[in-house]
Amino acid sequence: MLIVMNHNATQADVEAVNRTVKEMGYTAAPIPGSERTAIGVLGNHGYVDDTTILELPGVQRVIHVSKPYKLVSRDFHPEDTIVDVSGVRVGQGCRPVMVAGPCAVESEEQIIKTALFVKKMGADMLRGGAFKPRTGPHTFQGLRGEGLKLLARAGKESGLPIVTEVMSPDNVGLVAEYADLLQIGARNMQNFDLLREVGRIRKPVLLKRGMSATIEEFLAAAEYILAEGNEQVILCERGIRTYETATRNTLDLAVAPLIKELSHLPVMVDPSHATGKRSLVPPMALAALVAGSHGVLVEVHPEPEKALSDGPQSLTFPGFEQLMEEMRRLVAFLGYE
């Protein structure tokens, strides 16, 4: 439920509504606006009788929100959220960002070489997995703690903020020491204990859509993070599992404009995991920007044929250079520069 106050409502009126909501057994979440204040009501699991609230001074109207996500919804938060990742701004009105780097951190030479190259080409952030959730237990699982240290070194040398995945609640504090943006992978989208923990850490979070998740489930997962007080969340479409086998997943580009209608949170696209094919990454990255994505994540490797994970979907250095040139032209055409 959303309580909309009159534009001339006093602070005392707002506090009276907050007290009433609390007395009803719910949580009040004031949402200050440029013209008027709204108050979200959280904790209800069904219809709330609004008779008492409507009689309070300063209340203009009550909107009943039936969605399982409220803090994520534009009903509760009509203004766009801009997420600041160590100086890189992500969101509506900002220049689309490029997050690039290898699927996994493999060695000091590999990650630093890649970081310096993508920085030179104009990337805004460096991605790289230290903890790798893999389908098979006998495949490369990442360098873990050592990988985090190498990422930090590469970030320092290149000047790029670091994006890396955290897989369990126990590791959130450790990863947060090194990463500027904490990634929740597709397999963990509904790991609710992990979502709550990153909600408490107060660092920006990149939440990837689950392989079979609906949009409602995706936004409800983000709600877990916001409910703990962390509003710095970026949503990421990375393809969903369908009947199609020609690509690794099916990239749902409709997510970008749809989420912008439903939520105030920024949305990005990962065409590397969505397609699984190097040749398809550049055109889908560009298409994502046209569809309204606030940025893209792509995998880049100095020698993809030798990569320990996801080599077939990783761009070569020349391929990334070409993509960045095409992106610059597209971004200018779209009016960002």
C-alpha atoms as a PDB file:
ATOM      1  CA  MET A   1       0.000   0.000   0.000  1.00  0.00           C
ATOM      2  CA  LEU A   2       1.166   3.532  -0.800  1.00  0.00           C
ATOM      3  CA  ILE A   3      -0.087   6.568   1.090  1.00  0.00           C
ATOM      4  CA  VAL A   4       0.125   9.804  -0.899  1.00  0.00           C
ATOM      5  CA  MET A   5       0.210  13.000   1.158  1.00  0.00           C
ATOM      6  CA  ASN A   6      -1.099  16.397   0.084  1.00  0.00           C
ATOM      7  CA  HIS A   7       1.516  18.827  -1.182  1.00  0.00           C
ATOM      8  CA  ASN A   8       0.886  21.039   1.858  1.00  0.00           C
ATOM      9  CA  ALA A   9       1.038  18.227   4.429  1.00  0.00           C
ATOM     10  CA  THR A  10       3.161  19.095   7.448  1.00  0.00           C
ATOM     11  CA  GLN A  11       5.899  17.006   9.047  1.00  0.00           C
ATOM     12  CA  ALA A  12       3.510  16.425  11.942  1.00  0.00           C
ATOM     13  CA  ASP A  13       0.960  14.986   9.476  1.00  0.00           C
ATOM     14  CA  VAL A  14       3.595  12.607   8.090  1.00  0.00           C
ATOM     15  CA  GLU A  15       4.660  11.518  11.577  1.00  0.00           C
ATOM     16  CA  ALA A  16       1.016  10.862  12.513  1.00  0.00           C
ATOM     17  CA  VAL A  17       0.629   8.569   9.507  1.00  0.00           C
ATOM     18  CA  ASN A  18       3.872   6.781  10.401  1.00  0.00           C
ATOM     19  CA  ARG A  19       2.628   6.173  13.946  1.00  0.00           C
ATOM     20  CA  THR A  20      -0.726   4.881  12.712  1.00  0.00           C
ATOM     21  CA  VAL A  21       0.912   2.469  10.283  1.00  0.00           C
ATOM     22  CA  LYS A  22       3.140   1.173  13.078  1.00  0.00           C
ATOM     23  CA  GLU A  23       0.150   0.747  15.407  1.00  0.00           C
ATOM     24  CA  MET A  24      -1.504  -1.348  12.675  1.00  0.00           C
ATOM     25  CA  GLY A  25       1.459  -3.719  12.836  1.00  0.00           C
ATOM     26  CA  TYR A  26       3.180  -2.657   9.617  1.00  0.00           C
ATOM     27  CA  THR A  27       6.334  -0.769   8.658  1.00  0.00           C
ATOM     28  CA  ALA A  28       6.173   2.771   7.276  1.00  0.00           C
ATOM     29  CA  ALA A  29       8.700   3.775   4.628  1.00  0.00           C
ATOM     30  CA  PRO A  30       8.551   7.534   3.893  1.00  0.00           C
ATOM     31  CA  ILE A  31       9.417   8.446   0.295  1.00  0.00           C
ATOM     32  CA  PRO A  32      10.177  12.188   0.037  1.00  0.00           C
ATOM     33  CA  GLY A  33       9.432  13.758  -3.339  1.00  0.00           C
ATOM     34  CA  SER A  34      10.026  17.098  -4.983  1.00  0.00           C
ATOM     35  CA  GLU A  35       6.347  18.091  -4.679  1.00  0.00           C
ATOM     36  CA  ARG A  36       4.850  15.806  -2.042  1.00  0.00           C
ATOM     37  CA  THR A  37       5.711  12.958   0.323  1.00  0.00           C
ATOM     38  CA  ALA A  38       4.489   9.398  -0.068  1.00  0.00           C
ATOM     39  CA  ILE A  39       4.633   6.679   2.571  1.00  0.00           C
ATOM     40  CA  GLY A  40       5.003   3.046   1.654  1.00  0.00           C
ATOM     41  CA  VAL A  41       3.415   0.429   3.891  1.00  0.00           C
ATOM     42  CA  LEU A  42       5.457  -2.755   4.183  1.00  0.00           C
ATOM     43  CA  GLY A  43       4.809  -6.057   5.920  1.00  0.00           C
ATOM     44  CA  ASN A  44       1.228  -6.666   4.847  1.00  0.00           C
ATOM     45  CA  HIS A  45       0.364  -9.984   3.208  1.00  0.00           C
ATOM     46  CA  GLY A  46      -3.057  -9.033   1.945  1.00  0.00           C
ATOM     47  CA  TYR A  47      -5.517  -6.179   1.692  1.00  0.00           C
ATOM     48  CA  VAL A  48      -5.127  -3.444   4.310  1.00  0.00           C
ATOM     49  CA  ASP A  49      -8.188  -1.543   5.529  1.00  0.00           C
ATOM     50  CA  ASP A  50      -7.356   2.077   4.687  1.00  0.00           C
ATOM     51  CA  THR A  51     -10.332   3.730   6.442  1.00  0.00           C
ATOM     52  CA  THR A  52      -8.349   4.979   9.443  1.00  0.00           C
ATOM     53  CA  ILE A  53      -5.497   6.239   7.290  1.00  0.00           C
ATOM     54  CA  LEU A  54      -7.755   8.150   4.891  1.00  0.00           C
ATOM     55  CA  GLU A  55      -9.200  10.088   7.828  1.00  0.00           C
ATOM     56  CA  LEU A  56      -5.787  11.395   8.934  1.00  0.00           C
ATOM     57  CA  PRO A  57      -4.866  15.047   8.219  1.00  0.00           C
ATOM     58  CA  GLY A  58      -2.718  15.589   5.125  1.00  0.00           C
ATOM     59  CA  VAL A  59      -3.567  12.281   3.403  1.00  0.00           C
ATOM     60  CA  GLN A  60      -4.599  12.755  -0.211  1.00  0.00           C
ATOM     61  CA  ARG A  61      -5.205   9.156  -1.307  1.00  0.00           C
ATOM     62  CA  VAL A  62      -4.178   5.534  -0.770  1.00  0.00           C
ATOM     63  CA  ILE A  63      -2.934   3.271  -3.562  1.00  0.00           C
ATOM     64  CA  HIS A  64      -3.125  -0.472  -3.012  1.00  0.00           C
ATOM     65  CA  VAL A  65      -0.047  -2.150  -4.500  1.00  0.00           C
ATOM     66  CA  SER A  66      -0.536  -5.868  -5.087  1.00  0.00           C
ATOM     67  CA  LYS A  67       2.957  -6.569  -6.460  1.00  0.00           C
ATOM     68  CA  PRO A  68       5.286  -8.774  -4.341  1.00  0.00           C
ATOM     69  CA  TYR A  69       7.912  -6.067  -4.803  1.00  0.00           C
ATOM     70  CA  LYS A  70       7.227  -2.608  -3.443  1.00  0.00           C
ATOM     71  CA  LEU A  71      10.500  -0.793  -2.721  1.00  0.00           C
ATOM     72  CA  VAL A  72      11.671  -1.801  -6.205  1.00  0.00           C
ATOM     73  CA  SER A  73       8.473  -0.555  -7.840  1.00  0.00           C
ATOM     74  CA  ARG A  74       7.923   2.829  -9.447  1.00  0.00           C
ATOM     75  CA  ASP A  75       4.698   3.019  -7.446  1.00  0.00           C
ATOM     76  CA  PHE A  76       6.799   3.509  -4.319  1.00  0.00           C
ATOM     77  CA  HIS A  77       9.758   5.234  -5.956  1.00  0.00           C
ATOM     78  CA  PRO A  78       8.807   7.133  -9.141  1.00  0.00           C
ATOM     79  CA  GLU A  79      12.200   8.795  -9.602  1.00  0.00           C
ATOM     80  CA  ASP A  80      15.044   6.906 -11.286  1.00  0.00           C
ATOM     81  CA  THR A  81      17.815   5.576  -9.062  1.00  0.00           C
ATOM     82  CA  ILE A  82      21.385   6.332 -10.094  1.00  0.00           C
ATOM     83  CA  VAL A  83      23.882   3.804  -8.750  1.00  0.00           C
ATOM     84  CA  ASP A  84      27.382   5.152  -8.104  1.00  0.00           C
ATOM     85  CA  VAL A  85      30.117   2.528  -8.408  1.00  0.00           C
ATOM     86  CA  SER A  86      33.262   4.262  -7.156  1.00  0.00           C
ATOM     87  CA  GLY A  87      32.604   7.273  -9.367  1.00  0.00           C
ATOM     88  CA  VAL A  88      30.981   5.457 -12.305  1.00  0.00           C
ATOM     89  CA  ARG A  89      27.313   6.451 -12.465  1.00  0.00           C
ATOM     90  CA  VAL A  90      24.813   3.911 -13.796  1.00  0.00           C
ATOM     91  CA  GLY A  91      21.216   4.780 -14.562  1.00  0.00           C
ATOM     92  CA  GLN A  92      18.761   6.813 -16.585  1.00  0.00           C
ATOM     93  CA  GLY A  93      20.313   9.904 -18.147  1.00  0.00           C
ATOM     94  CA  CYS A  94      23.877   8.689 -17.614  1.00  0.00           C
ATOM     95  CA  ARG A  95      26.128   7.596 -20.457  1.00  0.00           C
ATOM     96  CA  PRO A  96      25.826   3.816 -20.974  1.00  0.00           C
ATOM     97  CA  VAL A  97      28.660   2.003 -19.243  1.00  0.00           C
ATOM     98  CA  MET A  98      30.892  -0.843 -20.408  1.00  0.00           C
ATOM     99  CA  VAL A  99      31.946  -3.553 -17.953  1.00  0.00           C
ATOM    100  CA  ALA A 100      34.607  -5.803 -19.471  1.00  0.00           C
ATOM    101  CA  GLY A 101      37.078  -8.479 -18.482  1.00  0.00           C
ATOM    102  CA  PRO A 102      37.616 -12.229 -18.426  1.00  0.00           C
ATOM    103  CA  CYS A 103      35.109 -14.763 -17.177  1.00  0.00           C
ATOM    104  CA  ALA A 104      37.618 -15.869 -14.548  1.00  0.00           C
ATOM    105  CA  VAL A 105      40.818 -14.562 -13.038  1.00  0.00           C
ATOM    106  CA  GLU A 106      43.438 -17.104 -14.119  1.00  0.00           C
ATOM    107  CA  SER A 107      46.787 -15.441 -13.396  1.00  0.00           C
ATOM    108  CA  GLU A 108      48.327 -12.094 -12.540  1.00  0.00           C
ATOM    109  CA  GLU A 109      49.584 -11.620 -16.091  1.00  0.00           C
ATOM    110  CA  GLN A 110      46.200 -12.437 -17.638  1.00  0.00           C
ATOM    111  CA  ILE A 111      44.070 -10.153 -15.469  1.00  0.00           C
ATOM    112  CA  ILE A 112      46.438  -7.157 -15.470  1.00  0.00           C
ATOM    113  CA  LYS A 113      47.009  -7.389 -19.223  1.00  0.00           C
ATOM    114  CA  THR A 114      43.259  -7.500 -19.805  1.00  0.00           C
ATOM    115  CA  ALA A 115      42.532  -4.693 -17.338  1.00  0.00           C
ATOM    116  CA  LEU A 116      45.035  -2.323 -18.937  1.00  0.00           C
ATOM    117  CA  PHE A 117      43.730  -3.114 -22.411  1.00  0.00           C
ATOM    118  CA  VAL A 118      40.012  -2.659 -21.696  1.00  0.00           C
ATOM    119  CA  LYS A 119      40.806   0.553 -19.828  1.00  0.00           C
ATOM    120  CA  LYS A 120      42.740   1.840 -22.843  1.00  0.00           C
ATOM    121  CA  MET A 121      39.763   1.005 -25.079  1.00  0.00           C
ATOM    122  CA  GLY A 122      37.358   2.953 -22.860  1.00  0.00           C
ATOM    123  CA  ALA A 123      35.824   0.417 -20.461  1.00  0.00           C
ATOM    124  CA  ASP A 124      34.305   1.825 -17.262  1.00  0.00           C
ATOM    125  CA  MET A 125      34.664  -1.207 -14.974  1.00  0.00           C
ATOM    126  CA  LEU A 126      36.642  -4.450 -14.819  1.00  0.00           C
ATOM    127  CA  ARG A 127      34.845  -7.757 -14.432  1.00  0.00           C
ATOM    128  CA  GLY A 128      36.448 -11.041 -13.405  1.00  0.00           C
ATOM    129  CA  GLY A 129      35.427 -14.084 -11.428  1.00  0.00           C
ATOM    130  CA  ALA A 130      37.404 -15.140  -8.367  1.00  0.00           C
ATOM    131  CA  PHE A 131      34.707 -17.557  -7.183  1.00  0.00           C
ATOM    132  CA  LYS A 132      33.271 -19.487 -10.135  1.00  0.00           C
ATOM    133  CA  PRO A 133      29.967 -21.399  -9.902  1.00  0.00           C
ATOM    134  CA  ARG A 134      30.311 -24.076 -12.587  1.00  0.00           C
ATOM    135  CA  THR A 135      27.847 -26.692 -13.749  1.00  0.00           C
ATOM    136  CA  GLY A 136      30.390 -29.500 -13.355  1.00  0.00           C
ATOM    137  CA  PRO A 137      32.377 -29.981 -10.112  1.00  0.00           C
ATOM    138  CA  HIS A 138      35.530 -31.046 -11.969  1.00  0.00           C
ATOM    139  CA  THR A 139      35.891 -27.793 -13.935  1.00  0.00           C
ATOM    140  CA  PHE A 140      37.905 -24.724 -12.918  1.00  0.00           C
ATOM    141  CA  GLN A 141      36.266 -23.175  -9.850  1.00  0.00           C
ATOM    142  CA  GLY A 142      38.293 -19.969  -9.604  1.00  0.00           C
ATOM    143  CA  LEU A 143      41.287 -18.802  -7.588  1.00  0.00           C
ATOM    144  CA  ARG A 144      39.016 -17.610  -4.773  1.00  0.00           C
ATOM    145  CA  GLY A 145      40.896 -15.435  -2.244  1.00  0.00           C
ATOM    146  CA  GLU A 146      44.001 -15.204  -4.404  1.00  0.00           C
ATOM    147  CA  GLY A 147      41.798 -14.197  -7.335  1.00  0.00           C
ATOM    148  CA  LEU A 148      40.370 -11.319  -5.315  1.00  0.00           C
ATOM    149  CA  LYS A 149      43.871 -10.044  -4.567  1.00  0.00           C
ATOM    150  CA  LEU A 150      44.835 -10.222  -8.245  1.00  0.00           C
ATOM    151  CA  LEU A 151      41.629  -8.388  -9.207  1.00  0.00           C
ATOM    152  CA  ALA A 152      42.411  -5.648  -6.710  1.00  0.00           C
ATOM    153  CA  ARG A 153      45.915  -5.328  -8.135  1.00  0.00           C
ATOM    154  CA  ALA A 154      44.562  -5.109 -11.686  1.00  0.00           C
ATOM    155  CA  GLY A 155      41.976  -2.553 -10.599  1.00  0.00           C
ATOM    156  CA  LYS A 156      44.631  -0.415  -8.940  1.00  0.00           C
ATOM    157  CA  GLU A 157      46.922  -0.507 -11.979  1.00  0.00           C
ATOM    158  CA  SER A 158      44.140   0.257 -14.445  1.00  0.00           C
ATOM    159  CA  GLY A 159      42.108   2.619 -12.281  1.00  0.00           C
ATOM    160  CA  LEU A 160      38.933   0.638 -12.981  1.00  0.00           C
ATOM    161  CA  PRO A 161      36.312  -0.269 -10.356  1.00  0.00           C
ATOM    162  CA  ILE A 162      36.054  -4.030  -9.778  1.00  0.00           C
ATOM    163  CA  VAL A 163      32.990  -6.220 -10.410  1.00  0.00           C
ATOM    164  CA  THR A 164      33.101  -9.788  -9.120  1.00  0.00           C
ATOM    165  CA  GLU A 165      30.688 -12.448  -7.946  1.00  0.00           C
ATOM    166  CA  VAL A 166      29.944 -13.429  -4.378  1.00  0.00           C
ATOM    167  CA  MET A 167      28.441 -16.888  -3.941  1.00  0.00           C
ATOM    168  CA  SER A 168      27.648 -17.333  -0.263  1.00  0.00           C
ATOM    169  CA  PRO A 169      26.630 -15.175   2.705  1.00  0.00           C
ATOM    170  CA  ASP A 170      29.833 -16.178   4.500  1.00  0.00           C
ATOM    171  CA  ASN A 171      31.976 -14.601   1.774  1.00  0.00           C
ATOM    172  CA  VAL A 172      30.161 -11.269   1.442  1.00  0.00           C
ATOM    173  CA  GLY A 173      32.468  -9.437   3.859  1.00  0.00           C
ATOM    174  CA  LEU A 174      35.594 -10.819   2.185  1.00  0.00           C
ATOM    175  CA  VAL A 175      34.483  -9.979  -1.361  1.00  0.00           C
ATOM    176  CA  ALA A 176      33.320  -6.518  -0.263  1.00  0.00           C
ATOM    177  CA  GLU A 177      36.872  -5.733   0.888  1.00  0.00           C
ATOM    178  CA  TYR A 178      38.056  -5.974  -2.722  1.00  0.00           C
ATOM    179  CA  ALA A 179      35.052  -5.366  -5.005  1.00  0.00           C
ATOM    180  CA  ASP A 180      33.386  -2.070  -5.859  1.00  0.00           C
ATOM    181  CA  LEU A 181      30.289  -3.834  -7.230  1.00  0.00           C
ATOM    182  CA  LEU A 182      29.121  -7.170  -5.787  1.00  0.00           C
ATOM    183  CA  GLN A 183      27.626  -9.499  -8.395  1.00  0.00           C
ATOM    184  CA  ILE A 184      24.892 -12.010  -7.580  1.00  0.00           C
ATOM    185  CA  GLY A 185      24.952 -14.628 -10.323  1.00  0.00           C
ATOM    186  CA  ALA A 186      21.968 -16.183 -12.072  1.00  0.00           C
ATOM    187  CA  ARG A 187      22.204 -19.380 -10.016  1.00  0.00           C
ATOM    188  CA  ASN A 188      21.966 -17.364  -6.795  1.00  0.00           C
ATOM    189  CA  MET A 189      19.179 -14.975  -7.763  1.00  0.00           C
ATOM    190  CA  GLN A 190      16.885 -16.651  -5.236  1.00  0.00           C
ATOM    191  CA  ASN A 191      19.511 -17.390  -2.598  1.00  0.00           C
ATOM    192  CA  PHE A 192      17.577 -15.285  -0.119  1.00  0.00           C
ATOM    193  CA  ASP A 193      20.122 -15.449   2.695  1.00  0.00           C
ATOM    194  CA  LEU A 194      22.751 -14.120   0.288  1.00  0.00           C
ATOM    195  CA  LEU A 195      20.426 -11.374  -0.937  1.00  0.00           C
ATOM    196  CA  ARG A 196      19.747 -10.263   2.625  1.00  0.00           C
ATOM    197  CA  GLU A 197      23.453 -10.218   3.435  1.00  0.00           C
ATOM    198  CA  VAL A 198      24.420  -8.023   0.473  1.00  0.00           C
ATOM    199  CA  GLY A 199      21.487  -5.815   1.456  1.00  0.00           C
ATOM    200  CA  ARG A 200      23.232  -5.153   4.763  1.00  0.00           C
ATOM    201  CA  ILE A 201      26.713  -4.545   3.367  1.00  0.00           C
ATOM    202  CA  ARG A 202      25.896  -1.112   1.849  1.00  0.00           C
ATOM    203  CA  LYS A 203      27.877  -1.635  -1.347  1.00  0.00           C
ATOM    204  CA  PRO A 204      26.422  -1.521  -4.875  1.00  0.00           C
ATOM    205  CA  VAL A 205      25.031  -4.839  -6.082  1.00  0.00           C
ATOM    206  CA  LEU A 206      24.644  -6.255  -9.597  1.00  0.00           C
ATOM    207  CA  LEU A 207      21.777  -8.764  -9.545  1.00  0.00           C
ATOM    208  CA  LYS A 208      21.572 -11.134 -12.516  1.00  0.00           C
ATOM    209  CA  ARG A 209      18.284 -12.653 -13.630  1.00  0.00           C
ATOM    210  CA  GLY A 210      17.891 -16.372 -12.946  1.00  0.00           C
ATOM    211  CA  MET A 211      17.932 -18.739 -15.896  1.00  0.00           C
ATOM    212  CA  SER A 212      14.218 -19.481 -15.610  1.00  0.00           C
ATOM    213  CA  ALA A 213      13.013 -16.467 -13.623  1.00  0.00           C
ATOM    214  CA  THR A 214      10.005 -14.382 -14.540  1.00  0.00           C
ATOM    215  CA  ILE A 215      10.263 -10.602 -14.372  1.00  0.00           C
ATOM    216  CA  GLU A 216       8.151 -10.618 -11.220  1.00  0.00           C
ATOM    217  CA  GLU A 217      10.486 -13.128  -9.551  1.00  0.00           C
ATOM    218  CA  PHE A 218      13.486 -11.077 -10.685  1.00  0.00           C
ATOM    219  CA  LEU A 219      12.150  -7.873  -9.160  1.00  0.00           C
ATOM    220  CA  ALA A 220      11.025  -9.696  -6.013  1.00  0.00           C
ATOM    221  CA  ALA A 221      14.608 -10.928  -5.572  1.00  0.00           C
ATOM    222  CA  ALA A 222      15.827  -7.327  -5.764  1.00  0.00           C
ATOM    223  CA  GLU A 223      13.243  -6.453  -3.128  1.00  0.00           C
ATOM    224  CA  TYR A 224      15.116  -8.656  -0.623  1.00  0.00           C
ATOM    225  CA  ILE A 225      18.187  -6.432  -1.025  1.00  0.00           C
ATOM    226  CA  LEU A 226      16.316  -3.148  -0.779  1.00  0.00           C
ATOM    227  CA  ALA A 227      14.338  -4.388   2.215  1.00  0.00           C
ATOM    228  CA  GLU A 228      17.624  -4.600   4.149  1.00  0.00           C
ATOM    229  CA  GLY A 229      18.383  -0.948   3.374  1.00  0.00           C
ATOM    230  CA  ASN A 230      20.634  -1.173   0.308  1.00  0.00           C
ATOM    231  CA  GLU A 231      19.066   0.782  -2.559  1.00  0.00           C
ATOM    232  CA  GLN A 232      22.187   0.642  -4.768  1.00  0.00           C
ATOM    233  CA  VAL A 233      21.091  -2.236  -7.000  1.00  0.00           C
ATOM    234  CA  ILE A 234      21.630  -2.747 -10.734  1.00  0.00           C
ATOM    235  CA  LEU A 235      19.545  -5.403 -12.470  1.00  0.00           C
ATOM    236  CA  CYS A 236      21.141  -7.497 -15.215  1.00  0.00           C
ATOM    237  CA  GLU A 237      19.543  -9.540 -17.990  1.00  0.00           C
ATOM    238  CA  ARG A 238      21.833 -12.406 -19.018  1.00  0.00           C
ATOM    239  CA  GLY A 239      19.532 -14.618 -21.041  1.00  0.00           C
ATOM    240  CA  ILE A 240      16.980 -17.211 -20.000  1.00  0.00           C
ATOM    241  CA  ARG A 241      16.635 -20.915 -20.704  1.00  0.00           C
ATOM    242  CA  THR A 242      14.138 -21.766 -23.456  1.00  0.00           C
ATOM    243  CA  TYR A 243      13.662 -24.543 -26.004  1.00  0.00           C
ATOM    244  CA  GLU A 244      16.295 -22.948 -28.278  1.00  0.00           C
ATOM    245  CA  THR A 245      19.689 -24.662 -28.436  1.00  0.00           C
ATOM    246  CA  ALA A 246      21.413 -22.600 -31.139  1.00  0.00           C
ATOM    247  CA  THR A 247      22.596 -20.137 -28.483  1.00  0.00           C
ATOM    248  CA  ARG A 248      23.654 -20.689 -24.878  1.00  0.00           C
ATOM    249  CA  ASN A 249      20.539 -18.890 -23.633  1.00  0.00           C
ATOM    250  CA  THR A 250      17.800 -16.725 -25.124  1.00  0.00           C
ATOM    251  CA  LEU A 251      18.485 -13.018 -24.688  1.00  0.00           C
ATOM    252  CA  ASP A 252      15.297 -11.230 -23.603  1.00  0.00           C
ATOM    253  CA  LEU A 253      15.958  -7.650 -24.695  1.00  0.00           C
ATOM    254  CA  ALA A 254      12.382  -6.657 -23.844  1.00  0.00           C
ATOM    255  CA  VAL A 255      13.544  -6.736 -20.221  1.00  0.00           C
ATOM    256  CA  ALA A 256      15.322  -3.373 -20.571  1.00  0.00           C
ATOM    257  CA  PRO A 257      12.318  -1.205 -21.506  1.00  0.00           C
ATOM    258  CA  LEU A 258       9.939  -3.290 -19.398  1.00  0.00           C
ATOM    259  CA  ILE A 259      11.963  -2.963 -16.212  1.00  0.00           C
ATOM    260  CA  LYS A 260      12.308   0.772 -16.843  1.00  0.00           C
ATOM    261  CA  GLU A 261       8.510   0.931 -16.801  1.00  0.00           C
ATOM    262  CA  LEU A 262       8.103  -1.198 -13.675  1.00  0.00           C
ATOM    263  CA  SER A 263      11.115  -0.196 -11.570  1.00  0.00           C
ATOM    264  CA  HIS A 264      13.338   2.761 -10.777  1.00  0.00           C
ATOM    265  CA  LEU A 265      16.472   0.586 -10.691  1.00  0.00           C
ATOM    266  CA  PRO A 266      19.040   0.661 -13.526  1.00  0.00           C
ATOM    267  CA  VAL A 267      19.190  -2.325 -15.873  1.00  0.00           C
ATOM    268  CA  MET A 268      22.141  -3.737 -17.798  1.00  0.00           C
ATOM    269  CA  VAL A 269      22.602  -6.610 -20.267  1.00  0.00           C
ATOM    270  CA  ASP A 270      25.220  -9.383 -20.454  1.00  0.00           C
ATOM    271  CA  PRO A 271      25.286 -10.558 -24.103  1.00  0.00           C
ATOM    272  CA  SER A 272      28.245 -12.881 -23.487  1.00  0.00           C
ATOM    273  CA  HIS A 273      26.362 -15.278 -21.204  1.00  0.00           C
ATOM    274  CA  ALA A 274      23.141 -14.717 -23.113  1.00  0.00           C
ATOM    275  CA  THR A 275      24.475 -15.874 -26.475  1.00  0.00           C
ATOM    276  CA  GLY A 276      27.535 -17.961 -25.661  1.00  0.00           C
ATOM    277  CA  LYS A 277      28.997 -17.117 -29.067  1.00  0.00           C
ATOM    278  CA  ARG A 278      31.723 -14.571 -29.667  1.00  0.00           C
ATOM    279  CA  SER A 279      30.295 -13.493 -33.033  1.00  0.00           C
ATOM    280  CA  LEU A 280      26.913 -12.650 -31.489  1.00  0.00           C
ATOM    281  CA  VAL A 281      28.195 -10.572 -28.578  1.00  0.00           C
ATOM    282  CA  PRO A 282      28.880  -7.264 -30.426  1.00  0.00           C
ATOM    283  CA  PRO A 283      25.535  -7.017 -32.282  1.00  0.00           C
ATOM    284  CA  MET A 284      23.561  -7.926 -29.155  1.00  0.00           C
ATOM    285  CA  ALA A 285      25.551  -5.480 -27.039  1.00  0.00           C
ATOM    286  CA  LEU A 286      24.654  -2.699 -29.452  1.00  0.00           C
ATOM    287  CA  ALA A 287      21.035  -3.873 -29.594  1.00  0.00           C
ATOM    288  CA  ALA A 288      20.883  -3.750 -25.796  1.00  0.00           C
ATOM    289  CA  LEU A 289      21.794  -0.063 -25.832  1.00  0.00           C
ATOM    290  CA  VAL A 290      19.163   0.675 -28.482  1.00  0.00           C
ATOM    291  CA  ALA A 291      16.601  -1.160 -26.311  1.00  0.00           C
ATOM    292  CA  GLY A 292      17.419   1.190 -23.429  1.00  0.00           C
ATOM    293  CA  SER A 293      19.941  -0.724 -21.345  1.00  0.00           C
ATOM    294  CA  HIS A 294      22.055   1.472 -19.074  1.00  0.00           C
ATOM    295  CA  GLY A 295      25.146  -0.531 -19.969  1.00  0.00           C
ATOM    296  CA  VAL A 296      26.538  -3.894 -20.998  1.00  0.00           C
ATOM    297  CA  LEU A 297      28.875  -6.528 -19.570  1.00  0.00           C
ATOM    298  CA  VAL A 298      31.088  -8.446 -21.974  1.00  0.00           C
ATOM    299  CA  GLU A 299      33.810 -11.022 -21.514  1.00  0.00           C
ATOM    300  CA  VAL A 300      37.257 -10.266 -22.933  1.00  0.00           C
ATOM    301  CA  HIS A 301      40.324 -12.536 -22.861  1.00  0.00           C
ATOM    302  CA  PRO A 302      43.835 -12.100 -24.338  1.00  0.00           C
ATOM    303  CA  GLU A 303      43.747 -15.722 -25.582  1.00  0.00           C
ATOM    304  CA  PRO A 304      40.161 -17.029 -25.569  1.00  0.00           C
ATOM    305  CA  GLU A 305      41.223 -20.383 -27.015  1.00  0.00           C
ATOM    306  CA  LYS A 306      43.233 -20.975 -23.816  1.00  0.00           C
ATOM    307  CA  ALA A 307      40.639 -19.623 -21.368  1.00  0.00           C
ATOM    308  CA  LEU A 308      39.838 -21.857 -18.386  1.00  0.00           C
ATOM    309  CA  SER A 309      36.152 -20.959 -18.671  1.00  0.00           C
ATOM    310  CA  ASP A 310      33.810 -19.498 -21.309  1.00  0.00           C
ATOM    311  CA  GLY A 311      36.431 -19.067 -24.021  1.00  0.00           C
ATOM    312  CA  PRO A 312      33.951 -19.403 -26.933  1.00  0.00           C
ATOM    313  CA  GLN A 313      31.958 -16.356 -25.758  1.00  0.00           C
ATOM    314  CA  SER A 314      34.952 -14.180 -24.858  1.00  0.00           C
ATOM    315  CA  LEU A 315      35.952 -11.380 -27.209  1.00  0.00           C
ATOM    316  CA  THR A 316      39.522 -11.156 -28.462  1.00  0.00           C
ATOM    317  CA  PHE A 317      41.367  -7.893 -27.921  1.00  0.00           C
ATOM    318  CA  PRO A 318      40.829  -6.790 -31.567  1.00  0.00           C
ATOM    319  CA  GLY A 319      37.158  -7.785 -31.298  1.00  0.00           C
ATOM    320  CA  PHE A 320      36.687  -5.689 -28.166  1.00  0.00           C
ATOM    321  CA  GLU A 321      38.445  -2.729 -29.751  1.00  0.00           C
ATOM    322  CA  GLN A 322      36.062  -2.889 -32.693  1.00  0.00           C
ATOM    323  CA  LEU A 323      33.026  -3.171 -30.417  1.00  0.00           C
ATOM    324  CA  MET A 324      34.097  -0.109 -28.419  1.00  0.00           C
ATOM    325  CA  GLU A 325      34.453   1.915 -31.613  1.00  0.00           C
ATOM    326  CA  GLU A 326      30.957   0.878 -32.706  1.00  0.00           C
ATOM    327  CA  MET A 327      29.612   1.661 -29.240  1.00  0.00           C
ATOM    328  CA  ARG A 328      31.097   5.143 -29.287  1.00  0.00           C
ATOM    329  CA  ARG A 329      29.366   5.889 -32.565  1.00  0.00           C
ATOM    330  CA  LEU A 330      26.062   4.462 -31.317  1.00  0.00           C
ATOM    331  CA  VAL A 331      26.213   6.303 -27.999  1.00  0.00           C
ATOM    332  CA  ALA A 332      26.807   9.569 -29.860  1.00  0.00           C
ATOM    333  CA  PHE A 333      23.917   8.807 -32.196  1.00  0.00           C
ATOM    334  CA  LEU A 334      21.621   8.123 -29.234  1.00  0.00           C
ATOM    335  CA  GLY A 335      22.470  11.575 -27.907  1.00  0.00           C
ATOM    336  CA  TYR A 336      24.563  10.719 -24.849  1.00  0.00           C
ATOM    337  CA  GLU A 337      27.710  12.419 -26.124  1.00  0.00           C
END
